[in-house]
Amino acid sequence: MKNTLLAIVAIFIMGACNQRFETTPNGTQYKIVKTDDNARMVAEGDNLHIHLKGVLDKNDSALFDSYKNNKPYYIPAGEPSLKEVFAVLKKGDSAIFKILADTLYGNFGEGLPPGVKSGDMITFYATLLDVYNPQEMQQKIDEQNKDFEVKDSIALSSFLSSLTDVKQTNSGLKYIVKEAGKGKAVKKGDKVTVKYRGALLDGTVFDETKEGSPEFTFTVGAGQVIAGWDEGFLLMKEGDKLQLIIPWTLAYGPRGSGPIPPYSTLVFDVELIKVN
């Protein structure tokens, strides 16, 4: 697959060699390298599924490249910096266009990234894979979300199949008491000091406390952590070690967070060190 994508990039770069750049009203230069006259044209309000590679002209370094890992972007056709170029594309088109870094990153509301200076030019290589109107995009999102939910449900069933002594609260929070402590019980509003290790159902660790790092503390019930933690620590007392199996409804929900995918059940091994 990687070789195929690189070949696609090479083909449309070669195809552009003898073409002249055209210019949009705002000054963006572009070449459309491959066009099917009968393909669907991009319309206002559409969402684009598109491969993009951005190269800093002055040193030929790639700033981003969705071809590399075959992870095309979903971008609204009205994206401020690129909308004039997007408006002339059809589904299946490949294109090359050039834009000032100031224009690109200024519309993102961000400063220029390291190594990029005012006045630098960025060359984009693009392949428009598909076009969706708002209704089609919502349907695609709904389908993807359902797929995430089904995968999470299957993974959770597999994870639970080998466990015993699993308890569950009314909210759907599951937990296993690994070691019972004898200290002070937690009440809402208490500040607690904890150790933890957080993982996905497949065992991938996304966060944990480490020896030598500052202790992790939070106030229970104050909304400083995910809902599953606020509920889970109210079940504990000093010295307790629990495994919390937190459904996505009590974690990061349909959006996910960083390395945590949408609709993910999370597994936390937690230890309550101190109730302040």
Protein backbone atom coordinates (compact mmCIF):
# COMPACT_ATOMS: atom_id res chain seq x y z
CA MET A 1 0.00 0.00 0.00
CA LYS A 2 2.81 2.43 0.90
CA ASN A 3 4.53 1.81 -2.44
CA THR A 4 1.23 2.32 -4.27
CA LEU A 5 0.67 5.71 -2.62
CA LEU A 6 4.22 6.82 -3.40
CA ALA A 7 3.65 5.79 -7.01
CA ILE A 8 0.48 7.89 -7.13
CA VAL A 9 2.36 10.91 -5.84
CA ALA A 10 5.14 10.38 -8.38
CA ILE A 11 2.67 10.03 -11.26
CA PHE A 12 0.81 13.24 -10.61
CA ILE A 13 4.05 15.17 -9.96
CA MET A 14 5.36 13.98 -13.33
CA GLY A 15 2.04 14.82 -14.94
CA ALA A 16 2.34 18.40 -13.73
CA CYS A 17 5.78 19.06 -15.14
CA ASN A 18 4.55 20.57 -18.40
CA GLN A 19 1.59 22.45 -16.94
CA ARG A 20 1.50 26.05 -15.92
CA PHE A 21 0.16 27.16 -12.60
CA GLU A 22 -3.16 28.95 -12.55
CA THR A 23 -3.96 31.51 -9.86
CA THR A 24 -7.02 31.92 -7.62
CA PRO A 25 -8.37 35.40 -6.76
CA ASN A 26 -6.51 35.34 -3.42
CA GLY A 27 -3.22 34.53 -5.13
CA THR A 28 -2.90 30.79 -4.52
CA GLN A 29 -1.21 29.02 -7.44
CA TYR A 30 -2.48 25.60 -8.47
CA LYS A 31 -2.30 22.86 -11.08
CA ILE A 32 -4.94 20.16 -11.51
CA VAL A 33 -3.02 17.12 -12.66
CA LYS A 34 -5.72 14.50 -13.18
CA THR A 35 -9.35 15.28 -13.97
CA ASP A 36 -12.42 13.21 -14.79
CA ASP A 37 -14.83 15.65 -16.41
CA ASN A 38 -17.81 13.56 -15.32
CA ALA A 39 -16.77 13.31 -11.66
CA ARG A 40 -18.56 15.02 -8.82
CA MET A 41 -17.57 18.65 -8.34
CA VAL A 42 -16.84 20.05 -4.89
CA ALA A 43 -19.71 22.24 -3.67
CA GLU A 44 -20.05 24.73 -0.85
CA GLY A 45 -20.69 22.93 2.45
CA ASP A 46 -19.08 19.67 1.33
CA ASN A 47 -16.54 17.69 3.35
CA LEU A 48 -13.51 16.30 1.57
CA HIS A 49 -11.68 13.03 2.18
CA ILE A 50 -8.27 14.01 0.90
CA HIS A 51 -4.62 13.07 0.97
CA LEU A 52 -2.34 16.04 1.58
CA LYS A 53 1.41 16.41 1.68
CA GLY A 54 2.84 19.82 2.56
CA VAL A 55 6.46 20.56 1.67
CA LEU A 56 8.42 23.62 2.77
CA ASP A 57 9.95 24.88 -0.47
CA LYS A 58 13.15 26.38 0.95
CA ASN A 59 14.54 23.06 2.17
CA ASP A 60 12.19 20.50 0.61
CA SER A 61 11.14 19.19 4.04
CA ALA A 62 7.72 17.63 4.63
CA LEU A 63 5.60 19.46 7.21
CA PHE A 64 2.84 16.82 7.06
CA ASP A 65 2.14 13.83 4.85
CA SER A 66 -1.02 11.71 4.94
CA TYR A 67 0.27 9.54 2.09
CA LYS A 68 3.07 8.22 4.29
CA ASN A 69 0.81 6.34 6.71
CA ASN A 70 -2.24 6.17 4.42
CA LYS A 71 -4.34 8.31 6.76
CA PRO A 72 -6.15 10.86 4.59
CA TYR A 73 -7.73 13.90 6.20
CA TYR A 74 -11.37 14.94 6.45
CA ILE A 75 -11.45 18.67 5.69
CA PRO A 76 -14.40 21.01 5.09
CA ALA A 77 -14.47 22.47 1.59
CA GLY A 78 -14.77 25.90 3.19
CA GLU A 79 -11.41 25.70 5.00
CA PRO A 80 -10.31 29.37 4.79
CA SER A 81 -6.79 28.93 3.40
CA LEU A 82 -7.60 26.33 0.77
CA LYS A 83 -11.27 26.83 -0.16
CA GLU A 84 -10.53 28.51 -3.49
CA VAL A 85 -8.43 25.55 -4.63
CA PHE A 86 -10.89 23.00 -3.25
CA ALA A 87 -13.70 24.71 -5.17
CA VAL A 88 -12.15 23.84 -8.54
CA LEU A 89 -11.58 20.14 -7.74
CA LYS A 90 -13.61 17.08 -8.65
CA LYS A 91 -13.65 13.71 -6.93
CA GLY A 92 -10.58 11.76 -8.03
CA ASP A 93 -8.54 14.83 -8.93
CA SER A 94 -4.91 15.25 -8.00
CA ALA A 95 -3.47 18.71 -7.66
CA ILE A 96 -0.41 20.72 -6.74
CA PHE A 97 -0.82 24.16 -5.19
CA LYS A 98 1.36 26.71 -3.45
CA ILE A 99 0.45 28.90 -0.49
CA LEU A 100 2.29 31.30 1.78
CA ALA A 101 2.95 29.93 5.27
CA ASP A 102 1.59 33.19 6.71
CA THR A 103 -1.75 32.62 4.96
CA LEU A 104 -1.98 28.95 5.88
CA TYR A 105 -1.11 29.17 9.56
CA GLY A 106 -2.69 32.58 10.02
CA ASN A 107 -6.08 31.12 9.14
CA PHE A 108 -5.48 28.31 11.62
CA GLY A 109 -5.15 30.96 14.32
CA GLU A 110 -1.69 29.69 15.22
CA GLY A 111 1.83 31.00 15.00
CA LEU A 112 4.27 29.64 12.48
CA PRO A 113 5.69 26.21 13.44
CA PRO A 114 9.39 25.71 14.19
CA GLY A 115 11.56 26.12 11.10
CA VAL A 116 8.92 28.06 9.16
CA LYS A 117 9.35 31.81 8.70
CA SER A 118 7.18 34.60 7.41
CA GLY A 119 7.27 34.66 3.62
CA ASP A 120 8.07 30.95 3.25
CA MET A 121 6.18 29.10 0.54
CA ILE A 122 4.55 25.69 1.08
CA THR A 123 3.78 23.34 -1.81
CA PHE A 124 0.83 20.99 -1.36
CA TYR A 125 0.36 17.69 -3.14
CA ALA A 126 -3.27 16.56 -2.94
CA THR A 127 -5.47 13.67 -4.03
CA LEU A 128 -9.22 14.09 -3.53
CA LEU A 129 -10.52 10.64 -2.63
CA ASP A 130 -14.16 11.44 -1.96
CA VAL A 131 -16.69 14.23 -1.45
CA TYR A 132 -19.58 14.25 1.03
CA ASN A 133 -22.40 16.72 1.47
CA PRO A 134 -23.46 17.42 5.10
CA GLN A 135 -26.10 14.66 5.11
CA GLU A 136 -23.70 12.10 3.65
CA MET A 137 -21.00 13.14 6.11
CA GLN A 138 -23.33 12.73 9.07
CA GLN A 139 -24.32 9.28 7.82
CA LYS A 140 -20.64 8.33 7.52
CA ILE A 141 -19.94 9.61 11.04
CA ASP A 142 -22.90 7.63 12.39
CA GLU A 143 -21.65 4.48 10.66
CA GLN A 144 -18.12 4.96 12.01
CA ASN A 145 -19.43 5.60 15.52
CA LYS A 146 -21.53 2.44 15.39
CA ASP A 147 -18.46 0.52 14.28
CA PHE A 148 -16.46 1.92 17.21
CA GLU A 149 -19.24 0.93 19.63
CA VAL A 150 -19.50 -2.61 18.26
CA LYS A 151 -15.72 -3.10 18.39
CA ASP A 152 -15.61 -1.83 21.97
CA SER A 153 -18.46 -4.12 23.00
CA ILE A 154 -16.76 -7.18 21.47
CA ALA A 155 -13.40 -6.28 23.06
CA LEU A 156 -15.04 -5.76 26.46
CA SER A 157 -16.80 -9.13 26.32
CA SER A 158 -13.49 -10.82 25.51
CA PHE A 159 -11.70 -8.94 28.30
CA LEU A 160 -14.31 -9.85 30.91
CA SER A 161 -14.48 -13.53 29.92
CA SER A 162 -11.32 -14.37 31.87
CA LEU A 163 -12.12 -12.32 34.98
CA THR A 164 -13.84 -13.27 38.20
CA ASP A 165 -15.33 -11.32 41.12
CA VAL A 166 -16.29 -8.39 38.89
CA LYS A 167 -18.73 -6.01 40.55
CA GLN A 168 -20.83 -3.40 38.78
CA THR A 169 -22.52 -0.17 39.80
CA ASN A 170 -25.80 1.18 38.42
CA SER A 171 -23.90 3.48 36.04
CA GLY A 172 -22.11 0.57 34.36
CA LEU A 173 -18.78 1.04 36.13
CA LYS A 174 -17.17 -2.35 36.78
CA TYR A 175 -14.48 -2.98 39.34
CA ILE A 176 -12.43 -5.71 40.98
CA VAL A 177 -11.01 -5.38 44.48
CA LYS A 178 -7.40 -6.47 44.15
CA GLU A 179 -6.34 -5.61 47.69
CA ALA A 180 -8.40 -4.23 50.59
CA GLY A 181 -6.96 -1.46 52.72
CA LYS A 182 -7.87 -0.49 56.26
CA GLY A 183 -7.61 3.27 56.13
CA LYS A 184 -9.98 6.20 55.85
CA ALA A 185 -12.92 5.92 53.45
CA VAL A 186 -13.29 8.50 50.68
CA LYS A 187 -16.08 11.08 50.74
CA LYS A 188 -17.08 13.55 48.05
CA GLY A 189 -14.85 16.61 48.33
CA ASP A 190 -11.87 14.74 49.78
CA LYS A 191 -8.48 15.36 48.23
CA VAL A 192 -6.79 12.05 47.47
CA THR A 193 -3.31 10.93 46.48
CA VAL A 194 -3.23 7.96 44.10
CA LYS A 195 -1.12 5.72 41.92
CA TYR A 196 -2.55 4.43 38.66
CA ARG A 197 -1.97 2.71 35.38
CA GLY A 198 -4.40 3.29 32.53
CA ALA A 199 -4.76 0.98 29.53
CA LEU A 200 -7.05 0.19 26.63
CA LEU A 201 -8.81 -3.16 26.49
CA ASP A 202 -6.04 -4.51 24.25
CA GLY A 203 -3.48 -3.77 26.96
CA THR A 204 -2.01 -0.62 25.41
CA VAL A 205 -0.90 1.63 28.29
CA PHE A 206 -1.69 5.31 27.66
CA ASP A 207 -0.82 6.82 31.05
CA GLU A 208 0.61 5.88 34.44
CA THR A 209 2.27 7.30 37.52
CA LYS A 210 5.99 6.70 37.69
CA GLU A 211 8.47 6.45 40.50
CA GLY A 212 10.22 9.74 41.08
CA SER A 213 7.45 11.78 39.44
CA PRO A 214 5.20 14.13 41.43
CA GLU A 215 2.32 12.40 43.22
CA PHE A 216 -1.04 12.61 41.49
CA THR A 217 -3.74 14.24 43.58
CA PHE A 218 -7.28 15.38 42.84
CA THR A 219 -10.49 16.29 44.63
CA VAL A 220 -13.10 13.54 44.39
CA GLY A 221 -16.42 14.64 42.93
CA ALA A 222 -15.14 18.00 41.69
CA GLY A 223 -15.07 17.05 38.01
CA GLN A 224 -11.28 17.24 37.83
CA VAL A 225 -11.09 13.72 36.39
CA ILE A 226 -13.33 11.52 34.26
CA ALA A 227 -16.68 10.52 35.75
CA GLY A 228 -15.57 6.90 36.17
CA TRP A 229 -12.77 8.02 38.49
CA ASP A 230 -15.01 10.26 40.57
CA GLU A 231 -17.39 7.35 41.07
CA GLY A 232 -14.72 4.68 41.45
CA PHE A 233 -12.73 6.41 44.18
CA LEU A 234 -15.88 6.93 46.23
CA LEU A 235 -15.87 3.13 46.58
CA MET A 236 -12.38 3.14 48.11
CA LYS A 237 -10.49 3.69 51.33
CA GLU A 238 -6.82 4.24 52.04
CA GLY A 239 -4.74 1.23 51.05
CA ASP A 240 -7.28 -0.14 48.57
CA LYS A 241 -6.11 -1.42 45.20
CA LEU A 242 -8.85 -1.74 42.59
CA GLN A 243 -9.11 -2.42 38.91
CA LEU A 244 -11.66 -0.01 37.44
CA ILE A 245 -13.23 -1.01 34.13
CA ILE A 246 -14.73 2.24 32.95
CA PRO A 247 -17.22 2.35 30.05
CA TRP A 248 -16.78 5.08 27.45
CA THR A 249 -19.89 6.81 28.78
CA LEU A 250 -17.95 7.52 32.00
CA ALA A 251 -14.62 8.14 30.24
CA TYR A 252 -13.87 10.14 27.08
CA GLY A 253 -17.08 9.35 25.23
CA PRO A 254 -17.57 9.51 21.47
CA ARG A 255 -14.64 11.89 20.92
CA GLY A 256 -11.79 10.06 22.66
CA SER A 257 -8.72 11.96 23.83
CA GLY A 258 -5.17 11.86 22.47
CA PRO A 259 -4.13 8.19 22.25
CA ILE A 260 -7.59 7.07 23.47
CA PRO A 261 -9.89 6.28 20.52
CA PRO A 262 -13.58 7.26 20.53
CA TYR A 263 -15.97 4.90 22.33
CA SER A 264 -13.22 3.24 24.36
CA THR A 265 -13.71 1.29 27.58
CA LEU A 266 -10.70 1.99 29.81
CA VAL A 267 -8.98 -0.21 32.40
CA PHE A 268 -7.32 1.49 35.35
CA ASP A 269 -5.33 -0.26 38.04
CA VAL A 270 -5.52 2.23 40.92
CA GLU A 271 -4.14 2.44 44.43
CA LEU A 272 -5.39 4.93 47.02
CA ILE A 273 -2.34 6.15 48.89
CA LYS A 274 -3.81 8.87 51.07
CA VAL A 275 -7.06 10.70 51.87
CA ASN A 276 -6.29 14.27 52.88
